[in-house]
Amino acid sequence: MRVTNAVASRKRRKRVLEAAKGFRFRRSKLYRYASDALDHGRQYAYRDRRNRKRDFRNLWQVRINAASRAAGLTYSRFIEGLKAASVVVDRKILAELAATDMAAFEQMVATAKKGLEDKAKKAQKA
């Protein structure tokens, strides 16, 4: 008796074609093209899940830089001042404050400036 594995093969092909719904033309209808399209799409999805983190960090840095320059500090000096003042706030929260709550961001800038002053005093003593 010849065994064809037909049920498993059909299930596998059907799963691929279901996943390719919404693709255009033969990429949604034919197994071979759908399989290739899914492989390609999944590679992009894997890569871009990492790139999204990079892109958002870049966006946050731009927002923080714009707000801190308006308050009289550059981005790098602002971050340096926060570290010197032992303030642990991530860039996502800082960007949110810069965009929505300028008063709170101004307080962060004041804290950073004070941290920079304290750091300069320590350096002169040493």
PDB file of N, CA and C in Angstrom:
ATOM      1  N   MET A   1       0.838  -1.183   0.000  1.00  0.00           N
ATOM      2  CA  MET A   1       0.000   0.000   0.000  1.00  0.00           C
ATOM      3  C   MET A   1       0.882   1.244   0.000  1.00  0.00           C
ATOM      4  N   ARG A   2       0.492   2.222  -0.798  1.00  0.00           N
ATOM      5  CA  ARG A   2       1.257   3.446  -0.930  1.00  0.00           C
ATOM      6  C   ARG A   2       0.732   4.490   0.061  1.00  0.00           C
ATOM      7  N   VAL A   3       1.643   5.075   0.848  1.00  0.00           N
ATOM      8  CA  VAL A   3       1.271   6.091   1.825  1.00  0.00           C
ATOM      9  C   VAL A   3       1.641   7.462   1.253  1.00  0.00           C
ATOM     10  N   THR A   4       0.662   8.369   1.213  1.00  0.00           N
ATOM     11  CA  THR A   4       0.903   9.658   0.557  1.00  0.00           C
ATOM     12  C   THR A   4       1.076  10.818   1.524  1.00  0.00           C
ATOM     13  N   ASN A   5       0.725  10.646   2.776  1.00  0.00           N
ATOM     14  CA  ASN A   5       0.804  11.734   3.757  1.00  0.00           C
ATOM     15  C   ASN A   5      -0.086  12.903   3.335  1.00  0.00           C
ATOM     16  N   ALA A   6      -1.178  12.593   2.656  1.00  0.00           N
ATOM     17  CA  ALA A   6      -2.014  13.627   2.035  1.00  0.00           C
ATOM     18  C   ALA A   6      -2.646  14.558   3.066  1.00  0.00           C
ATOM     19  N   VAL A   7      -3.114  14.021   4.173  1.00  0.00           N
ATOM     20  CA  VAL A   7      -3.800  14.841   5.157  1.00  0.00           C
ATOM     21  C   VAL A   7      -2.850  15.889   5.740  1.00  0.00           C
ATOM     22  N   ALA A   8      -1.642  15.458   6.097  1.00  0.00           N
ATOM     23  CA  ALA A   8      -0.669  16.387   6.676  1.00  0.00           C
ATOM     24  C   ALA A   8      -0.216  17.418   5.645  1.00  0.00           C
ATOM     25  N   SER A   9      -0.024  16.975   4.401  1.00  0.00           N
ATOM     26  CA  SER A   9       0.405  17.910   3.349  1.00  0.00           C
ATOM     27  C   SER A   9      -0.666  18.956   3.091  1.00  0.00           C
ATOM     28  N   ARG A  10      -1.919  18.518   3.002  1.00  0.00           N
ATOM     29  CA  ARG A  10      -3.016  19.446   2.748  1.00  0.00           C
ATOM     30  C   ARG A  10      -3.148  20.438   3.905  1.00  0.00           C
ATOM     31  N   LYS A  11      -2.984  19.938   5.114  1.00  0.00           N
ATOM     32  CA  LYS A  11      -3.095  20.815   6.286  1.00  0.00           C
ATOM     33  C   LYS A  11      -1.994  21.876   6.271  1.00  0.00           C
ATOM     34  N   ARG A  12      -0.786  21.444   5.928  1.00  0.00           N
ATOM     35  CA  ARG A  12       0.336  22.378   5.877  1.00  0.00           C
ATOM     36  C   ARG A  12       0.106  23.441   4.805  1.00  0.00           C
ATOM     37  N   ARG A  13      -0.330  23.009   3.622  1.00  0.00           N
ATOM     38  CA  ARG A  13      -0.569  23.963   2.529  1.00  0.00           C
ATOM     39  C   ARG A  13      -1.716  24.902   2.863  1.00  0.00           C
ATOM     40  N   LYS A  14      -2.734  24.354   3.488  1.00  0.00           N
ATOM     41  CA  LYS A  14      -3.886  25.188   3.849  1.00  0.00           C
ATOM     42  C   LYS A  14      -3.477  26.243   4.877  1.00  0.00           C
ATOM     43  N   ARG A  15      -2.620  25.868   5.827  1.00  0.00           N
ATOM     44  CA  ARG A  15      -2.154  26.807   6.845  1.00  0.00           C
ATOM     45  C   ARG A  15      -1.362  27.948   6.192  1.00  0.00           C
ATOM     46  N   VAL A  16      -0.559  27.620   5.197  1.00  0.00           N
ATOM     47  CA  VAL A  16       0.219  28.654   4.505  1.00  0.00           C
ATOM     48  C   VAL A  16      -0.708  29.587   3.741  1.00  0.00           C
ATOM     49  N   LEU A  17      -1.688  29.033   3.028  1.00  0.00           N
ATOM     50  CA  LEU A  17      -2.596  29.857   2.242  1.00  0.00           C
ATOM     51  C   LEU A  17      -3.482  30.721   3.146  1.00  0.00           C
ATOM     52  N   GLU A  18      -3.856  30.218   4.302  1.00  0.00           N
ATOM     53  CA  GLU A  18      -4.622  31.026   5.268  1.00  0.00           C
ATOM     54  C   GLU A  18      -3.784  32.214   5.750  1.00  0.00           C
ATOM     55  N   ALA A  19      -2.503  31.961   6.005  1.00  0.00           N
ATOM     56  CA  ALA A  19      -1.618  33.030   6.481  1.00  0.00           C
ATOM     57  C   ALA A  19      -1.361  34.067   5.400  1.00  0.00           C
ATOM     58  N   ALA A  20      -1.505  33.666   4.134  1.00  0.00           N
ATOM     59  CA  ALA A  20      -1.235  34.580   3.015  1.00  0.00           C
ATOM     60  C   ALA A  20      -2.482  35.334   2.579  1.00  0.00           C
ATOM     61  N   LYS A  21      -3.568  35.210   3.337  1.00  0.00           N
ATOM     62  CA  LYS A  21      -4.767  35.976   2.991  1.00  0.00           C
ATOM     63  C   LYS A  21      -4.445  37.453   3.058  1.00  0.00           C
ATOM     64  N   GLY A  22      -4.963  38.198   2.093  1.00  0.00           N
ATOM     65  CA  GLY A  22      -4.691  39.618   2.047  1.00  0.00           C
ATOM     66  C   GLY A  22      -3.549  39.952   1.114  1.00  0.00           C
ATOM     67  N   PHE A  23      -2.735  38.957   0.753  1.00  0.00           N
ATOM     68  CA  PHE A  23      -1.715  39.191  -0.255  1.00  0.00           C
ATOM     69  C   PHE A  23      -2.404  39.310  -1.600  1.00  0.00           C
ATOM     70  N   ARG A  24      -1.732  39.883  -2.578  1.00  0.00           N
ATOM     71  CA  ARG A  24      -2.371  40.126  -3.865  1.00  0.00           C
ATOM     72  C   ARG A  24      -1.939  39.105  -4.905  1.00  0.00           C
ATOM     73  N   PHE A  25      -2.852  38.831  -5.819  1.00  0.00           N
ATOM     74  CA  PHE A  25      -2.623  38.005  -6.991  1.00  0.00           C
ATOM     75  C   PHE A  25      -2.240  36.574  -6.597  1.00  0.00           C
ATOM     76  N   ARG A  26      -1.264  35.993  -7.286  1.00  0.00           N
ATOM     77  CA  ARG A  26      -0.983  34.576  -7.054  1.00  0.00           C
ATOM     78  C   ARG A  26      -0.357  34.317  -5.685  1.00  0.00           C
ATOM     79  N   ARG A  27       0.123  35.368  -5.020  1.00  0.00           N
ATOM     80  CA  ARG A  27       0.754  35.184  -3.709  1.00  0.00           C
ATOM     81  C   ARG A  27      -0.267  34.737  -2.664  1.00  0.00           C
ATOM     82  N   SER A  28      -1.537  34.944  -2.919  1.00  0.00           N
ATOM     83  CA  SER A  28      -2.557  34.501  -1.965  1.00  0.00           C
ATOM     84  C   SER A  28      -3.271  33.235  -2.420  1.00  0.00           C
ATOM     85  N   LYS A  29      -3.026  32.808  -3.665  1.00  0.00           N
ATOM     86  CA  LYS A  29      -3.785  31.683  -4.224  1.00  0.00           C
ATOM     87  C   LYS A  29      -2.959  30.409  -4.393  1.00  0.00           C
ATOM     88  N   LEU A  30      -1.675  30.571  -4.722  1.00  0.00           N
ATOM     89  CA  LEU A  30      -0.840  29.425  -5.059  1.00  0.00           C
ATOM     90  C   LEU A  30       0.172  29.178  -3.952  1.00  0.00           C
ATOM     91  N   TYR A  31       0.282  27.916  -3.563  1.00  0.00           N
ATOM     92  CA  TYR A  31       1.090  27.551  -2.398  1.00  0.00           C
ATOM     93  C   TYR A  31       2.543  27.997  -2.539  1.00  0.00           C
ATOM     94  N   ARG A  32       3.129  27.731  -3.691  1.00  0.00           N
ATOM     95  CA  ARG A  32       4.548  28.021  -3.880  1.00  0.00           C
ATOM     96  C   ARG A  32       4.843  29.516  -3.680  1.00  0.00           C
ATOM     97  N   TYR A  33       4.042  30.348  -4.289  1.00  0.00           N
ATOM     98  CA  TYR A  33       4.263  31.787  -4.198  1.00  0.00           C
ATOM     99  C   TYR A  33       3.873  32.327  -2.821  1.00  0.00           C
ATOM    100  N   ALA A  34       2.835  31.751  -2.253  1.00  0.00           N
ATOM    101  CA  ALA A  34       2.414  32.166  -0.916  1.00  0.00           C
ATOM    102  C   ALA A  34       3.489  31.834   0.106  1.00  0.00           C
ATOM    103  N   SER A  35       4.081  30.666  -0.026  1.00  0.00           N
ATOM    104  CA  SER A  35       5.128  30.245   0.904  1.00  0.00           C
ATOM    105  C   SER A  35       6.326  31.182   0.822  1.00  0.00           C
ATOM    106  N   ASP A  36       6.734  31.524  -0.393  1.00  0.00           N
ATOM    107  CA  ASP A  36       7.856  32.448  -0.566  1.00  0.00           C
ATOM    108  C   ASP A  36       7.530  33.821   0.014  1.00  0.00           C
ATOM    109  N   ALA A  37       6.303  34.293  -0.254  1.00  0.00           N
ATOM    110  CA  ALA A  37       5.906  35.611   0.232  1.00  0.00           C
ATOM    111  C   ALA A  37       5.882  35.649   1.758  1.00  0.00           C
ATOM    112  N   LEU A  38       5.412  34.574   2.369  1.00  0.00           N
ATOM    113  CA  LEU A  38       5.378  34.521   3.835  1.00  0.00           C
ATOM    114  C   LEU A  38       6.781  34.504   4.419  1.00  0.00           C
ATOM    115  N   ASP A  39       7.669  33.722   3.803  1.00  0.00           N
ATOM    116  CA  ASP A  39       9.046  33.680   4.291  1.00  0.00           C
ATOM    117  C   ASP A  39       9.671  35.068   4.245  1.00  0.00           C
ATOM    118  N   HIS A  40       9.450  35.745   3.129  1.00  0.00           N
ATOM    119  CA  HIS A  40       9.994  37.084   2.949  1.00  0.00           C
ATOM    120  C   HIS A  40       9.407  38.046   3.988  1.00  0.00           C
ATOM    121  N   GLY A  41       8.096  37.992   4.134  1.00  0.00           N
ATOM    122  CA  GLY A  41       7.423  38.873   5.078  1.00  0.00           C
ATOM    123  C   GLY A  41       7.856  38.637   6.505  1.00  0.00           C
ATOM    124  N   ARG A  42       8.071  37.386   6.855  1.00  0.00           N
ATOM    125  CA  ARG A  42       8.496  37.069   8.224  1.00  0.00           C
ATOM    126  C   ARG A  42       9.912  37.538   8.481  1.00  0.00           C
ATOM    127  N   GLN A  43      10.763  37.515   7.457  1.00  0.00           N
ATOM    128  CA  GLN A  43      12.111  38.062   7.622  1.00  0.00           C
ATOM    129  C   GLN A  43      12.052  39.564   7.900  1.00  0.00           C
ATOM    130  N   TYR A  44      11.207  40.271   7.149  1.00  0.00           N
ATOM    131  CA  TYR A  44      11.048  41.700   7.380  1.00  0.00           C
ATOM    132  C   TYR A  44      10.487  41.961   8.769  1.00  0.00           C
ATOM    133  N   ALA A  45       9.523  41.152   9.188  1.00  0.00           N
ATOM    134  CA  ALA A  45       8.906  41.359  10.499  1.00  0.00           C
ATOM    135  C   ALA A  45       9.938  41.171  11.607  1.00  0.00           C
ATOM    136  N   TYR A  46      10.770  40.137  11.483  1.00  0.00           N
ATOM    137  CA  TYR A  46      11.799  39.866  12.485  1.00  0.00           C
ATOM    138  C   TYR A  46      12.783  41.028  12.558  1.00  0.00           C
ATOM    139  N   ARG A  47      13.237  41.472  11.378  1.00  0.00           N
ATOM    140  CA  ARG A  47      14.210  42.564  11.333  1.00  0.00           C
ATOM    141  C   ARG A  47      13.616  43.848  11.895  1.00  0.00           C
ATOM    142  N   ASP A  48      12.389  44.144  11.493  1.00  0.00           N
ATOM    143  CA  ASP A  48      11.808  45.430  11.847  1.00  0.00           C
ATOM    144  C   ASP A  48      11.323  45.495  13.281  1.00  0.00           C
ATOM    145  N   ARG A  49      11.123  44.352  13.928  1.00  0.00           N
ATOM    146  CA  ARG A  49      10.837  44.403  15.365  1.00  0.00           C
ATOM    147  C   ARG A  49      12.028  44.990  16.103  1.00  0.00           C
ATOM    148  N   ARG A  50      13.224  44.720  15.618  1.00  0.00           N
ATOM    149  CA  ARG A  50      14.417  45.304  16.228  1.00  0.00           C
ATOM    150  C   ARG A  50      14.618  46.751  15.784  1.00  0.00           C
ATOM    151  N   ASN A  51      14.371  47.006  14.494  1.00  0.00           N
ATOM    152  CA  ASN A  51      14.547  48.370  13.989  1.00  0.00           C
ATOM    153  C   ASN A  51      13.572  49.345  14.629  1.00  0.00           C
ATOM    154  N   ARG A  52      12.374  48.857  14.980  1.00  0.00           N
ATOM    155  CA  ARG A  52      11.394  49.744  15.615  1.00  0.00           C
ATOM    156  C   ARG A  52      11.935  50.288  16.932  1.00  0.00           C
ATOM    157  N   LYS A  53      12.626  49.456  17.700  1.00  0.00           N
ATOM    158  CA  LYS A  53      13.210  49.905  18.961  1.00  0.00           C
ATOM    159  C   LYS A  53      14.246  50.999  18.704  1.00  0.00           C
ATOM    160  N   ARG A  54      15.053  50.795  17.666  1.00  0.00           N
ATOM    161  CA  ARG A  54      16.068  51.767  17.283  1.00  0.00           C
ATOM    162  C   ARG A  54      15.422  53.088  16.845  1.00  0.00           C
ATOM    163  N   ASP A  55      14.379  52.971  16.037  1.00  0.00           N
ATOM    164  CA  ASP A  55      13.710  54.165  15.516  1.00  0.00           C
ATOM    165  C   ASP A  55      13.058  54.970  16.637  1.00  0.00           C
ATOM    166  N   PHE A  56      12.423  54.269  17.578  1.00  0.00           N
ATOM    167  CA  PHE A  56      11.772  54.988  18.669  1.00  0.00           C
ATOM    168  C   PHE A  56      12.788  55.667  19.569  1.00  0.00           C
ATOM    169  N   ARG A  57      13.906  55.011  19.849  1.00  0.00           N
ATOM    170  CA  ARG A  57      14.934  55.648  20.680  1.00  0.00           C
ATOM    171  C   ARG A  57      15.445  56.915  19.994  1.00  0.00           C
ATOM    172  N   ASN A  58      15.624  56.846  18.673  1.00  0.00           N
ATOM    173  CA  ASN A  58      16.062  58.013  17.904  1.00  0.00           C
ATOM    174  C   ASN A  58      15.037  59.141  17.998  1.00  0.00           C
ATOM    175  N   LEU A  59      13.759  58.800  17.867  1.00  0.00           N
ATOM    176  CA  LEU A  59      12.696  59.801  17.975  1.00  0.00           C
ATOM    177  C   LEU A  59      12.699  60.451  19.349  1.00  0.00           C
ATOM    178  N   TRP A  60      12.845  59.638  20.394  1.00  0.00           N
ATOM    179  CA  TRP A  60      12.863  60.179  21.754  1.00  0.00           C
ATOM    180  C   TRP A  60      14.039  61.141  21.932  1.00  0.00           C
ATOM    181  N   GLN A  61      15.194  60.776  21.386  1.00  0.00           N
ATOM    182  CA  GLN A  61      16.367  61.633  21.516  1.00  0.00           C
ATOM    183  C   GLN A  61      16.137  62.970  20.824  1.00  0.00           C
ATOM    184  N   VAL A  62      15.505  62.951  19.654  1.00  0.00           N
ATOM    185  CA  VAL A  62      15.228  64.194  18.935  1.00  0.00           C
ATOM    186  C   VAL A  62      14.283  65.071  19.740  1.00  0.00           C
ATOM    187  N   ARG A  63      13.248  64.489  20.317  1.00  0.00           N
ATOM    188  CA  ARG A  63      12.280  65.264  21.101  1.00  0.00           C
ATOM    189  C   ARG A  63      12.920  65.855  22.351  1.00  0.00           C
ATOM    190  N   ILE A  64      13.726  65.044  23.030  1.00  0.00           N
ATOM    191  CA  ILE A  64      14.390  65.519  24.246  1.00  0.00           C
ATOM    192  C   ILE A  64      15.370  66.634  23.893  1.00  0.00           C
ATOM    193  N   ASN A  65      16.096  66.465  22.801  1.00  0.00           N
ATOM    194  CA  ASN A  65      17.067  67.472  22.387  1.00  0.00           C
ATOM    195  C   ASN A  65      16.373  68.795  22.079  1.00  0.00           C
ATOM    196  N   ALA A  66      15.263  68.743  21.364  1.00  0.00           N
ATOM    197  CA  ALA A  66      14.549  69.976  21.017  1.00  0.00           C
ATOM    198  C   ALA A  66      14.069  70.698  22.271  1.00  0.00           C
ATOM    199  N   ALA A  67      13.504  69.933  23.207  1.00  0.00           N
ATOM    200  CA  ALA A  67      12.978  70.553  24.427  1.00  0.00           C
ATOM    201  C   ALA A  67      14.104  71.058  25.323  1.00  0.00           C
ATOM    202  N   SER A  68      15.191  70.309  25.425  1.00  0.00           N
ATOM    203  CA  SER A  68      16.283  70.747  26.303  1.00  0.00           C
ATOM    204  C   SER A  68      17.012  71.947  25.718  1.00  0.00           C
ATOM    205  N   ARG A  69      17.123  72.025  24.392  1.00  0.00           N
ATOM    206  CA  ARG A  69      17.736  73.205  23.772  1.00  0.00           C
ATOM    207  C   ARG A  69      16.873  74.449  24.001  1.00  0.00           C
ATOM    208  N   ALA A  70      15.553  74.262  23.988  1.00  0.00           N
ATOM    209  CA  ALA A  70      14.657  75.390  24.277  1.00  0.00           C
ATOM    210  C   ALA A  70      14.846  75.870  25.715  1.00  0.00           C
ATOM    211  N   ALA A  71      15.291  74.944  26.593  1.00  0.00           N
ATOM    212  CA  ALA A  71      15.514  75.299  27.990  1.00  0.00           C
ATOM    213  C   ALA A  71      16.964  75.695  28.262  1.00  0.00           C
ATOM    214  N   GLY A  72      17.812  75.680  27.229  1.00  0.00           N
ATOM    215  CA  GLY A  72      19.177  76.169  27.397  1.00  0.00           C
ATOM    216  C   GLY A  72      20.244  75.120  27.602  1.00  0.00           C
ATOM    217  N   LEU A  73      19.966  73.861  27.306  1.00  0.00           N
ATOM    218  CA  LEU A  73      20.956  72.787  27.417  1.00  0.00           C
ATOM    219  C   LEU A  73      20.939  71.956  26.141  1.00  0.00           C
ATOM    220  N   THR A  74      22.084  71.367  25.820  1.00  0.00           N
ATOM    221  CA  THR A  74      22.079  70.397  24.720  1.00  0.00           C
ATOM    222  C   THR A  74      21.646  69.043  25.270  1.00  0.00           C
ATOM    223  N   TYR A  75      21.344  68.138  24.354  1.00  0.00           N
ATOM    224  CA  TYR A  75      20.899  66.794  24.752  1.00  0.00           C
ATOM    225  C   TYR A  75      21.949  66.095  25.604  1.00  0.00           C
ATOM    226  N   SER A  76      23.187  66.118  25.124  1.00  0.00           N
ATOM    227  CA  SER A  76      24.232  65.369  25.829  1.00  0.00           C
ATOM    228  C   SER A  76      24.496  65.946  27.222  1.00  0.00           C
ATOM    229  N   ARG A  77      24.492  67.267  27.333  1.00  0.00           N
ATOM    230  CA  ARG A  77      24.699  67.885  28.649  1.00  0.00           C
ATOM    231  C   ARG A  77      23.520  67.615  29.575  1.00  0.00           C
ATOM    232  N   PHE A  78      22.317  67.580  29.015  1.00  0.00           N
ATOM    233  CA  PHE A  78      21.115  67.280  29.792  1.00  0.00           C
ATOM    234  C   PHE A  78      21.195  65.872  30.377  1.00  0.00           C
ATOM    235  N   ILE A  79      21.529  64.900  29.545  1.00  0.00           N
ATOM    236  CA  ILE A  79      21.636  63.511  30.002  1.00  0.00           C
ATOM    237  C   ILE A  79      22.783  63.378  31.008  1.00  0.00           C
ATOM    238  N   GLU A  80      23.899  64.050  30.738  1.00  0.00           N
ATOM    239  CA  GLU A  80      25.033  64.029  31.667  1.00  0.00           C
ATOM    240  C   GLU A  80      24.635  64.597  33.023  1.00  0.00           C
ATOM    241  N   GLY A  81      23.883  65.686  33.011  1.00  0.00           N
ATOM    242  CA  GLY A  81      23.434  66.304  34.256  1.00  0.00           C
ATOM    243  C   GLY A  81      22.488  65.406  35.035  1.00  0.00           C
ATOM    244  N   LEU A  82      21.588  64.730  34.326  1.00  0.00           N
ATOM    245  CA  LEU A  82      20.680  63.800  35.014  1.00  0.00           C
ATOM    246  C   LEU A  82      21.442  62.644  35.649  1.00  0.00           C
ATOM    247  N   LYS A  83      22.441  62.135  34.940  1.00  0.00           N
ATOM    248  CA  LYS A  83      23.244  61.039  35.506  1.00  0.00           C
ATOM    249  C   LYS A  83      24.035  61.527  36.718  1.00  0.00           C
ATOM    250  N   ALA A  84      24.566  62.742  36.629  1.00  0.00           N
ATOM    251  CA  ALA A  84      25.322  63.309  37.755  1.00  0.00           C
ATOM    252  C   ALA A  84      24.415  63.519  38.962  1.00  0.00           C
ATOM    253  N   ALA A  85      23.144  63.836  38.714  1.00  0.00           N
ATOM    254  CA  ALA A  85      22.189  64.043  39.803  1.00  0.00           C
ATOM    255  C   ALA A  85      21.544  62.736  40.258  1.00  0.00           C
ATOM    256  N   SER A  86      21.984  61.622  39.681  1.00  0.00           N
ATOM    257  CA  SER A  86      21.458  60.281  40.011  1.00  0.00           C
ATOM    258  C   SER A  86      19.958  60.161  39.752  1.00  0.00           C
ATOM    259  N   VAL A  87      19.507  60.774  38.674  1.00  0.00           N
ATOM    260  CA  VAL A  87      18.103  60.662  38.270  1.00  0.00           C
ATOM    261  C   VAL A  87      18.013  59.531  37.255  1.00  0.00           C
ATOM    262  N   VAL A  88      17.162  58.550  37.554  1.00  0.00           N
ATOM    263  CA  VAL A  88      17.009  57.400  36.656  1.00  0.00           C
ATOM    264  C   VAL A  88      15.637  57.479  36.005  1.00  0.00           C
ATOM    265  N   VAL A  89      15.606  58.113  34.836  1.00  0.00           N
ATOM    266  CA  VAL A  89      14.378  58.207  34.040  1.00  0.00           C
ATOM    267  C   VAL A  89      14.766  57.847  32.613  1.00  0.00           C
ATOM    268  N   ASP A  90      14.021  56.934  31.997  1.00  0.00           N
ATOM    269  CA  ASP A  90      14.405  56.536  30.642  1.00  0.00           C
ATOM    270  C   ASP A  90      13.966  57.577  29.617  1.00  0.00           C
ATOM    271  N   ARG A  91      14.512  57.440  28.419  1.00  0.00           N
ATOM    272  CA  ARG A  91      14.283  58.434  27.376  1.00  0.00           C
ATOM    273  C   ARG A  91      12.836  58.480  26.919  1.00  0.00           C
ATOM    274  N   LYS A  92      12.142  57.361  27.007  1.00  0.00           N
ATOM    275  CA  LYS A  92      10.732  57.334  26.615  1.00  0.00           C
ATOM    276  C   LYS A  92       9.926  58.289  27.495  1.00  0.00           C
ATOM    277  N   ILE A  93      10.145  58.226  28.794  1.00  0.00           N
ATOM    278  CA  ILE A  93       9.419  59.076  29.733  1.00  0.00           C
ATOM    279  C   ILE A  93       9.841  60.531  29.562  1.00  0.00           C
ATOM    280  N   LEU A  94      11.132  60.768  29.364  1.00  0.00           N
ATOM    281  CA  LEU A  94      11.605  62.139  29.166  1.00  0.00           C
ATOM    282  C   LEU A  94      10.978  62.761  27.910  1.00  0.00           C
ATOM    283  N   ALA A  95      10.884  61.982  26.843  1.00  0.00           N
ATOM    284  CA  ALA A  95      10.278  62.486  25.606  1.00  0.00           C
ATOM    285  C   ALA A  95       8.801  62.763  25.809  1.00  0.00           C
ATOM    286  N   GLU A  96       8.127  61.916  26.580  1.00  0.00           N
ATOM    287  CA  GLU A  96       6.702  62.127  26.875  1.00  0.00           C
ATOM    288  C   GLU A  96       6.517  63.425  27.670  1.00  0.00           C
ATOM    289  N   LEU A  97       7.386  63.640  28.657  1.00  0.00           N
ATOM    290  CA  LEU A  97       7.328  64.883  29.433  1.00  0.00           C
ATOM    291  C   LEU A  97       7.595  66.096  28.546  1.00  0.00           C
ATOM    292  N   ALA A  98       8.569  65.967  27.659  1.00  0.00           N
ATOM    293  CA  ALA A  98       8.914  67.083  26.779  1.00  0.00           C
ATOM    294  C   ALA A  98       7.756  67.440  25.858  1.00  0.00           C
ATOM    295  N   ALA A  99       7.008  66.423  25.434  1.00  0.00           N
ATOM    296  CA  ALA A  99       5.918  66.661  24.489  1.00  0.00           C
ATOM    297  C   ALA A  99       4.641  67.145  25.175  1.00  0.00           C
ATOM    298  N   THR A 100       4.377  66.659  26.395  1.00  0.00           N
ATOM    299  CA  THR A 100       3.066  66.913  27.001  1.00  0.00           C
ATOM    300  C   THR A 100       3.105  67.808  28.229  1.00  0.00           C
ATOM    301  N   ASP A 101       4.169  67.716  29.042  1.00  0.00           N
ATOM    302  CA  ASP A 101       4.194  68.443  30.317  1.00  0.00           C
ATOM    303  C   ASP A 101       5.496  69.238  30.424  1.00  0.00           C
ATOM    304  N   MET A 102       5.499  70.416  29.853  1.00  0.00           N
ATOM    305  CA  MET A 102       6.725  71.219  29.806  1.00  0.00           C
ATOM    306  C   MET A 102       7.167  71.667  31.198  1.00  0.00           C
ATOM    307  N   ALA A 103       6.226  71.875  32.103  1.00  0.00           N
ATOM    308  CA  ALA A 103       6.592  72.309  33.456  1.00  0.00           C
ATOM    309  C   ALA A 103       7.430  71.237  34.156  1.00  0.00           C
ATOM    310  N   ALA A 104       7.001  69.984  34.031  1.00  0.00           N
ATOM    311  CA  ALA A 104       7.756  68.893  34.646  1.00  0.00           C
ATOM    312  C   ALA A 104       9.120  68.749  33.972  1.00  0.00           C
ATOM    313  N   PHE A 105       9.147  68.947  32.652  1.00  0.00           N
ATOM    314  CA  PHE A 105      10.426  68.843  31.942  1.00  0.00           C
ATOM    315  C   PHE A 105      11.374  69.954  32.376  1.00  0.00           C
ATOM    316  N   GLU A 106      10.834  71.141  32.622  1.00  0.00           N
ATOM    317  CA  GLU A 106      11.661  72.250  33.119  1.00  0.00           C
ATOM    318  C   GLU A 106      12.297  71.899  34.464  1.00  0.00           C
ATOM    319  N   GLN A 107      11.547  71.208  35.309  1.00  0.00           N
ATOM    320  CA  GLN A 107      12.104  70.766  36.599  1.00  0.00           C
ATOM    321  C   GLN A 107      13.239  69.772  36.379  1.00  0.00           C
ATOM    322  N   MET A 108      13.065  68.894  35.385  1.00  0.00           N
ATOM    323  CA  MET A 108      14.131  67.934  35.070  1.00  0.00           C
ATOM    324  C   MET A 108      15.376  68.678  34.579  1.00  0.00           C
ATOM    325  N   VAL A 109      15.167  69.725  33.771  1.00  0.00           N
ATOM    326  CA  VAL A 109      16.296  70.528  33.277  1.00  0.00           C
ATOM    327  C   VAL A 109      16.997  71.217  34.443  1.00  0.00           C
ATOM    328  N   ALA A 110      16.221  71.745  35.375  1.00  0.00           N
ATOM    329  CA  ALA A 110      16.820  72.386  36.553  1.00  0.00           C
ATOM    330  C   ALA A 110      17.629  71.380  37.358  1.00  0.00           C
ATOM    331  N   THR A 111      17.100  70.176  37.513  1.00  0.00           N
ATOM    332  CA  THR A 111      17.823  69.111  38.227  1.00  0.00           C
ATOM    333  C   THR A 111      19.120  68.783  37.502  1.00  0.00           C
ATOM    334  N   ALA A 112      19.053  68.705  36.168  1.00  0.00           N
ATOM    335  CA  ALA A 112      20.246  68.390  35.381  1.00  0.00           C
ATOM    336  C   ALA A 112      21.293  69.494  35.533  1.00  0.00           C
ATOM    337  N   LYS A 113      20.862  70.741  35.499  1.00  0.00           N
ATOM    338  CA  LYS A 113      21.804  71.857  35.653  1.00  0.00           C
ATOM    339  C   LYS A 113      22.481  71.828  37.020  1.00  0.00           C
ATOM    340  N   LYS A 114      21.682  71.534  38.035  1.00  0.00           N
ATOM    341  CA  LYS A 114      22.246  71.425  39.391  1.00  0.00           C
ATOM    342  C   LYS A 114      23.243  70.269  39.467  1.00  0.00           C
ATOM    343  N   GLY A 115      22.907  69.155  38.824  1.00  0.00           N
ATOM    344  CA  GLY A 115      23.822  68.008  38.778  1.00  0.00           C
ATOM    345  C   GLY A 115      25.130  68.349  38.090  1.00  0.00           C
ATOM    346  N   LEU A 116      25.052  69.118  37.005  1.00  0.00           N
ATOM    347  CA  LEU A 116      26.273  69.537  36.309  1.00  0.00           C
ATOM    348  C   LEU A 116      27.121  70.454  37.183  1.00  0.00           C
ATOM    349  N   GLU A 117      26.471  71.371  37.920  1.00  0.00           N
ATOM    350  CA  GLU A 117      27.211  72.263  38.816  1.00  0.00           C
ATOM    351  C   GLU A 117      27.919  71.475  39.909  1.00  0.00           C
ATOM    352  N   ASP A 118      27.205  70.522  40.509  1.00  0.00           N
ATOM    353  CA  ASP A 118      27.805  69.704  41.563  1.00  0.00           C
ATOM    354  C   ASP A 118      28.979  68.893  41.020  1.00  0.00           C
ATOM    355  N   LYS A 119      28.832  68.407  39.806  1.00  0.00           N
ATOM    356  CA  LYS A 119      29.908  67.625  39.193  1.00  0.00           C
ATOM    357  C   LYS A 119      31.133  68.494  38.953  1.00  0.00           C
ATOM    358  N   ALA A 120      30.904  69.731  38.507  1.00  0.00           N
ATOM    359  CA  ALA A 120      32.019  70.659  38.265  1.00  0.00           C
ATOM    360  C   ALA A 120      32.730  71.011  39.572  1.00  0.00           C
ATOM    361  N   LYS A 121      31.966  71.196  40.668  1.00  0.00           N
ATOM    362  CA  LYS A 121      32.557  71.504  41.962  1.00  0.00           C
ATOM    363  C   LYS A 121      33.431  70.347  42.454  1.00  0.00           C
ATOM    364  N   LYS A 122      32.923  69.129  42.282  1.00  0.00           N
ATOM    365  CA  LYS A 122      33.704  67.944  42.688  1.00  0.00           C
ATOM    366  C   LYS A 122      34.996  67.860  41.892  1.00  0.00           C
ATOM    367  N   ALA A 123      34.921  68.167  40.592  1.00  0.00           N
ATOM    368  CA  ALA A 123      36.113  68.086  39.740  1.00  0.00           C
ATOM    369  C   ALA A 123      37.142  69.126  40.156  1.00  0.00           C
ATOM    370  N   GLN A 124      36.697  70.318  40.565  1.00  0.00           N
ATOM    371  CA  GLN A 124      37.641  71.355  40.975  1.00  0.00           C
ATOM    372  C   GLN A 124      38.300  71.026  42.313  1.00  0.00           C
ATOM    373  N   LYS A 125      37.556  70.353  43.197  1.00  0.00           N
ATOM    374  CA  LYS A 125      38.128  69.980  44.494  1.00  0.00           C
ATOM    375  C   LYS A 125      39.192  68.906  44.333  1.00  0.00           C
ATOM    376  N   ALA A 126      38.987  68.015  43.404  1.00  0.00           N
ATOM    377  CA  ALA A 126      39.916  66.896  43.234  1.00  0.00           C
ATOM    378  C   ALA A 126      41.178  67.261  42.490  1.00  0.00           C
TER     379      ALA A 126
END
